[in-house]
N, C-alpha and C. Protein backbone atom coordinates (compact mmCIF):
# COMPACT_ATOMS: atom_id res chain seq x y z
N MET A 1 13.25 -118.00 -225.56
CA MET A 1 12.75 -119.08 -224.75
C MET A 1 13.80 -120.23 -224.65
N GLY A 2 14.72 -120.34 -225.55
CA GLY A 2 15.72 -121.37 -225.49
C GLY A 2 15.18 -122.70 -225.94
N THR A 3 15.93 -123.75 -225.72
CA THR A 3 15.46 -125.06 -226.16
C THR A 3 14.68 -125.71 -225.07
N ALA A 4 13.88 -126.77 -225.42
CA ALA A 4 13.03 -127.43 -224.43
C ALA A 4 13.87 -128.24 -223.45
N VAL A 5 15.04 -128.71 -223.80
CA VAL A 5 15.82 -129.50 -222.91
C VAL A 5 17.17 -128.76 -222.66
N GLN A 6 17.47 -128.52 -221.40
CA GLN A 6 18.69 -127.79 -220.99
C GLN A 6 19.65 -128.78 -220.31
N THR A 7 20.96 -128.58 -220.48
CA THR A 7 22.01 -129.36 -219.80
C THR A 7 22.64 -128.50 -218.77
N TRP A 8 22.63 -128.95 -217.51
CA TRP A 8 23.18 -128.16 -216.38
C TRP A 8 24.36 -128.94 -215.77
N PRO A 9 25.41 -128.25 -215.30
CA PRO A 9 26.51 -128.91 -214.60
C PRO A 9 26.13 -129.18 -213.15
N ILE A 10 25.32 -130.19 -212.87
CA ILE A 10 24.79 -130.39 -211.58
C ILE A 10 25.86 -130.56 -210.47
N SER A 11 26.93 -131.28 -210.80
CA SER A 11 27.97 -131.48 -209.77
C SER A 11 28.56 -130.15 -209.41
N GLU A 12 28.85 -129.29 -210.37
CA GLU A 12 29.34 -127.90 -210.12
C GLU A 12 28.37 -127.11 -209.25
N LEU A 13 27.13 -127.13 -209.63
CA LEU A 13 26.09 -126.42 -208.91
C LEU A 13 25.99 -126.82 -207.45
N THR A 14 25.91 -128.14 -207.26
CA THR A 14 25.71 -128.64 -205.86
C THR A 14 27.00 -128.53 -205.04
N GLY A 15 28.09 -128.72 -205.71
CA GLY A 15 29.40 -128.62 -204.98
C GLY A 15 29.64 -127.21 -204.49
N ARG A 16 29.21 -126.20 -205.26
CA ARG A 16 29.41 -124.81 -204.86
C ARG A 16 28.15 -124.26 -204.16
N GLU A 17 27.20 -125.14 -203.87
CA GLU A 17 25.94 -124.79 -203.19
C GLU A 17 25.24 -123.64 -203.90
N ILE A 18 25.17 -123.74 -205.19
CA ILE A 18 24.45 -122.73 -206.04
C ILE A 18 22.97 -123.12 -206.23
N ASN A 19 22.09 -122.23 -205.91
CA ASN A 19 20.67 -122.45 -206.18
C ASN A 19 20.32 -121.87 -207.48
N VAL A 20 19.60 -122.61 -208.29
CA VAL A 20 19.12 -122.11 -209.60
C VAL A 20 17.61 -121.88 -209.46
N LEU A 21 17.18 -120.69 -209.75
CA LEU A 21 15.76 -120.31 -209.74
C LEU A 21 15.28 -119.89 -211.06
N SER A 22 14.32 -120.55 -211.63
CA SER A 22 13.81 -120.17 -212.92
C SER A 22 12.80 -119.05 -212.77
N VAL A 23 12.87 -118.06 -213.63
CA VAL A 23 11.87 -117.01 -213.62
C VAL A 23 11.44 -116.66 -215.06
N TRP A 24 10.28 -116.18 -215.19
CA TRP A 24 9.80 -115.65 -216.49
C TRP A 24 9.92 -114.15 -216.40
N ARG A 25 10.38 -113.55 -217.51
CA ARG A 25 10.60 -112.11 -217.54
C ARG A 25 9.64 -111.53 -218.59
N TYR A 26 8.91 -110.56 -218.17
CA TYR A 26 7.96 -109.93 -219.03
C TYR A 26 8.28 -108.43 -219.08
N VAL A 27 7.74 -107.72 -220.08
CA VAL A 27 7.91 -106.30 -220.21
C VAL A 27 7.25 -105.61 -219.00
N ASN A 28 7.86 -104.53 -218.53
CA ASN A 28 7.34 -103.71 -217.43
C ASN A 28 7.26 -104.44 -216.10
N CYS A 29 8.11 -105.39 -215.88
CA CYS A 29 8.11 -106.14 -214.61
C CYS A 29 9.12 -105.54 -213.57
N TYR A 30 9.87 -104.52 -213.96
CA TYR A 30 10.94 -104.01 -213.12
C TYR A 30 10.55 -102.80 -212.30
N PRO A 31 9.48 -102.11 -212.54
CA PRO A 31 9.23 -100.84 -211.78
C PRO A 31 9.25 -101.05 -210.23
N ARG A 32 8.67 -102.08 -209.71
CA ARG A 32 8.65 -102.28 -208.25
C ARG A 32 10.07 -102.53 -207.72
N ALA A 33 10.87 -103.31 -208.44
CA ALA A 33 12.24 -103.59 -207.99
C ALA A 33 13.07 -102.23 -208.02
N ILE A 34 12.85 -101.41 -209.03
CA ILE A 34 13.51 -100.14 -209.07
C ILE A 34 13.11 -99.25 -207.96
N GLU A 35 11.83 -99.24 -207.69
CA GLU A 35 11.30 -98.45 -206.54
C GLU A 35 11.90 -98.89 -205.22
N ILE A 36 12.05 -100.18 -204.99
CA ILE A 36 12.71 -100.71 -203.78
C ILE A 36 14.13 -100.23 -203.72
N MET A 37 14.88 -100.36 -204.78
CA MET A 37 16.29 -99.96 -204.75
C MET A 37 16.41 -98.44 -204.57
N GLU A 38 15.50 -97.63 -205.13
CA GLU A 38 15.59 -96.24 -204.89
C GLU A 38 15.32 -95.93 -203.36
N GLY A 39 14.43 -96.69 -202.79
CA GLY A 39 14.18 -96.47 -201.36
C GLY A 39 15.39 -96.88 -200.50
N VAL A 40 16.08 -97.88 -200.91
CA VAL A 40 17.30 -98.30 -200.24
C VAL A 40 18.36 -97.21 -200.35
N ARG A 41 18.48 -96.65 -201.54
CA ARG A 41 19.48 -95.61 -201.82
C ARG A 41 19.21 -94.39 -200.94
N SER A 42 17.94 -94.00 -200.76
CA SER A 42 17.59 -92.83 -199.97
C SER A 42 17.47 -93.16 -198.49
N ASN A 43 17.85 -94.39 -198.12
CA ASN A 43 17.75 -94.85 -196.69
C ASN A 43 16.36 -94.88 -196.13
N ALA A 44 15.35 -94.85 -197.00
CA ALA A 44 14.02 -94.96 -196.54
C ALA A 44 13.64 -96.40 -196.21
N LEU A 45 14.39 -97.33 -196.82
CA LEU A 45 14.19 -98.75 -196.56
C LEU A 45 15.45 -99.39 -196.00
N ARG A 46 15.28 -100.48 -195.26
CA ARG A 46 16.38 -101.21 -194.77
C ARG A 46 16.23 -102.63 -195.24
N PRO A 47 17.19 -103.51 -195.37
CA PRO A 47 18.58 -103.26 -195.07
C PRO A 47 19.26 -102.50 -196.25
N ASP A 48 20.44 -102.02 -195.98
CA ASP A 48 21.27 -101.29 -197.00
C ASP A 48 21.95 -102.36 -197.84
N VAL A 49 21.39 -102.67 -199.02
CA VAL A 49 21.90 -103.70 -199.87
C VAL A 49 23.29 -103.34 -200.48
N THR A 50 23.66 -102.10 -200.40
CA THR A 50 24.96 -101.68 -200.93
C THR A 50 26.08 -102.40 -200.20
N LYS A 51 25.79 -102.81 -198.93
CA LYS A 51 26.85 -103.54 -198.15
C LYS A 51 27.11 -104.91 -198.70
N LEU A 52 26.26 -105.40 -199.64
CA LEU A 52 26.53 -106.67 -200.24
C LEU A 52 27.63 -106.59 -201.29
N ILE A 53 27.98 -105.38 -201.72
CA ILE A 53 29.07 -105.15 -202.63
C ILE A 53 30.38 -105.31 -201.86
N THR A 54 31.09 -106.40 -202.18
CA THR A 54 32.35 -106.71 -201.48
C THR A 54 33.56 -106.33 -202.20
N HIS A 55 33.50 -106.14 -203.56
CA HIS A 55 34.67 -105.81 -204.35
C HIS A 55 34.21 -104.80 -205.40
N ARG A 56 35.08 -103.67 -205.47
CA ARG A 56 34.79 -102.61 -206.41
C ARG A 56 35.98 -102.49 -207.40
N PHE A 57 35.65 -102.19 -208.63
CA PHE A 57 36.69 -102.00 -209.64
C PHE A 57 36.44 -100.67 -210.36
N ALA A 58 37.46 -100.06 -210.83
CA ALA A 58 37.37 -98.74 -211.49
C ALA A 58 37.66 -98.81 -212.93
N GLY A 59 36.74 -98.38 -213.77
CA GLY A 59 36.99 -98.17 -215.20
C GLY A 59 36.82 -99.45 -216.02
N LEU A 60 36.61 -99.22 -217.32
CA LEU A 60 36.36 -100.31 -218.27
C LEU A 60 37.54 -101.27 -218.36
N ASP A 61 38.76 -100.83 -218.18
CA ASP A 61 39.89 -101.72 -218.23
C ASP A 61 39.86 -102.82 -217.13
N SER A 62 39.13 -102.56 -216.09
CA SER A 62 39.06 -103.49 -214.95
C SER A 62 38.02 -104.56 -215.12
N ILE A 63 37.25 -104.50 -216.22
CA ILE A 63 36.14 -105.51 -216.35
C ILE A 63 36.64 -106.92 -216.34
N PRO A 64 37.73 -107.26 -217.01
CA PRO A 64 38.22 -108.66 -216.98
C PRO A 64 38.52 -109.13 -215.56
N SER A 65 39.13 -108.26 -214.77
CA SER A 65 39.45 -108.61 -213.36
C SER A 65 38.17 -108.72 -212.53
N ALA A 66 37.15 -107.86 -212.78
CA ALA A 66 35.90 -107.96 -212.10
C ALA A 66 35.24 -109.26 -212.39
N TYR A 67 35.21 -109.68 -213.69
CA TYR A 67 34.55 -111.00 -214.03
C TYR A 67 35.34 -112.14 -213.38
N ASP A 68 36.66 -112.07 -213.37
CA ASP A 68 37.43 -113.13 -212.73
C ASP A 68 37.05 -113.21 -211.26
N THR A 69 37.01 -112.08 -210.60
CA THR A 69 36.68 -112.03 -209.18
C THR A 69 35.27 -112.55 -208.91
N ALA A 70 34.32 -112.09 -209.72
CA ALA A 70 32.88 -112.58 -209.53
C ALA A 70 32.71 -114.00 -209.76
N GLY A 71 33.61 -114.65 -210.53
CA GLY A 71 33.47 -116.00 -210.79
C GLY A 71 34.05 -116.95 -209.69
N ARG A 72 34.61 -116.35 -208.64
CA ARG A 72 35.17 -117.09 -207.55
C ARG A 72 34.40 -116.82 -206.24
N THR A 73 34.63 -117.65 -205.25
CA THR A 73 33.89 -117.50 -203.97
C THR A 73 34.78 -116.74 -202.96
N ARG A 74 36.10 -116.75 -203.17
CA ARG A 74 37.00 -116.02 -202.20
C ARG A 74 38.10 -115.34 -203.04
N ASP A 75 38.58 -114.22 -202.47
CA ASP A 75 39.62 -113.48 -203.19
C ASP A 75 40.95 -113.99 -202.68
N GLY A 76 42.08 -113.35 -203.08
CA GLY A 76 43.42 -113.73 -202.73
C GLY A 76 43.72 -113.66 -201.21
N ASP A 77 42.92 -112.85 -200.52
CA ASP A 77 43.13 -112.70 -199.00
C ASP A 77 42.11 -113.57 -198.31
N SER A 78 41.44 -114.48 -198.99
CA SER A 78 40.44 -115.38 -198.42
C SER A 78 39.19 -114.69 -197.98
N ASN A 79 38.93 -113.46 -198.42
CA ASN A 79 37.66 -112.74 -198.15
C ASN A 79 36.59 -113.30 -199.08
N VAL A 80 35.39 -113.43 -198.54
CA VAL A 80 34.26 -113.93 -199.32
C VAL A 80 33.87 -112.89 -200.37
N ILE A 81 33.63 -113.37 -201.58
CA ILE A 81 33.21 -112.53 -202.71
C ILE A 81 31.64 -112.69 -202.79
N ILE A 82 30.93 -111.60 -202.64
CA ILE A 82 29.50 -111.64 -202.75
C ILE A 82 29.10 -110.93 -204.08
N LYS A 83 29.55 -109.71 -204.23
CA LYS A 83 29.16 -108.90 -205.40
C LYS A 83 30.35 -108.07 -205.82
N ALA A 84 30.71 -108.13 -207.13
CA ALA A 84 31.79 -107.27 -207.66
C ALA A 84 31.09 -106.23 -208.59
N VAL A 85 31.54 -105.04 -208.49
CA VAL A 85 30.95 -103.91 -209.21
C VAL A 85 32.04 -103.10 -209.90
N VAL A 86 31.76 -102.74 -211.16
CA VAL A 86 32.71 -101.89 -211.89
C VAL A 86 32.12 -100.45 -211.91
N ASN A 87 32.86 -99.46 -211.35
CA ASN A 87 32.44 -98.10 -211.36
C ASN A 87 33.14 -97.42 -212.56
N PHE A 88 32.38 -96.54 -213.23
CA PHE A 88 32.97 -95.78 -214.37
C PHE A 88 33.31 -94.40 -213.99
């Protein structure tokens, strides 16, 4: 549950236009989300959320680069970074 009082970097959040949404997580709350993603994978549902993956990395050795990329808004070619994924 954490502490009752949290400190947030509001200037950083608003400057980067980051929205923070609080959620409560309980056991067995993921089946519907998994069902939706399976439908997307089988093309039974639209949109294809795999298109949100903008940067892919290969192997465990690439994890530091993936984290560095995911922490920025644009890559070295000025392309927008939405989602970075590490494939094994």
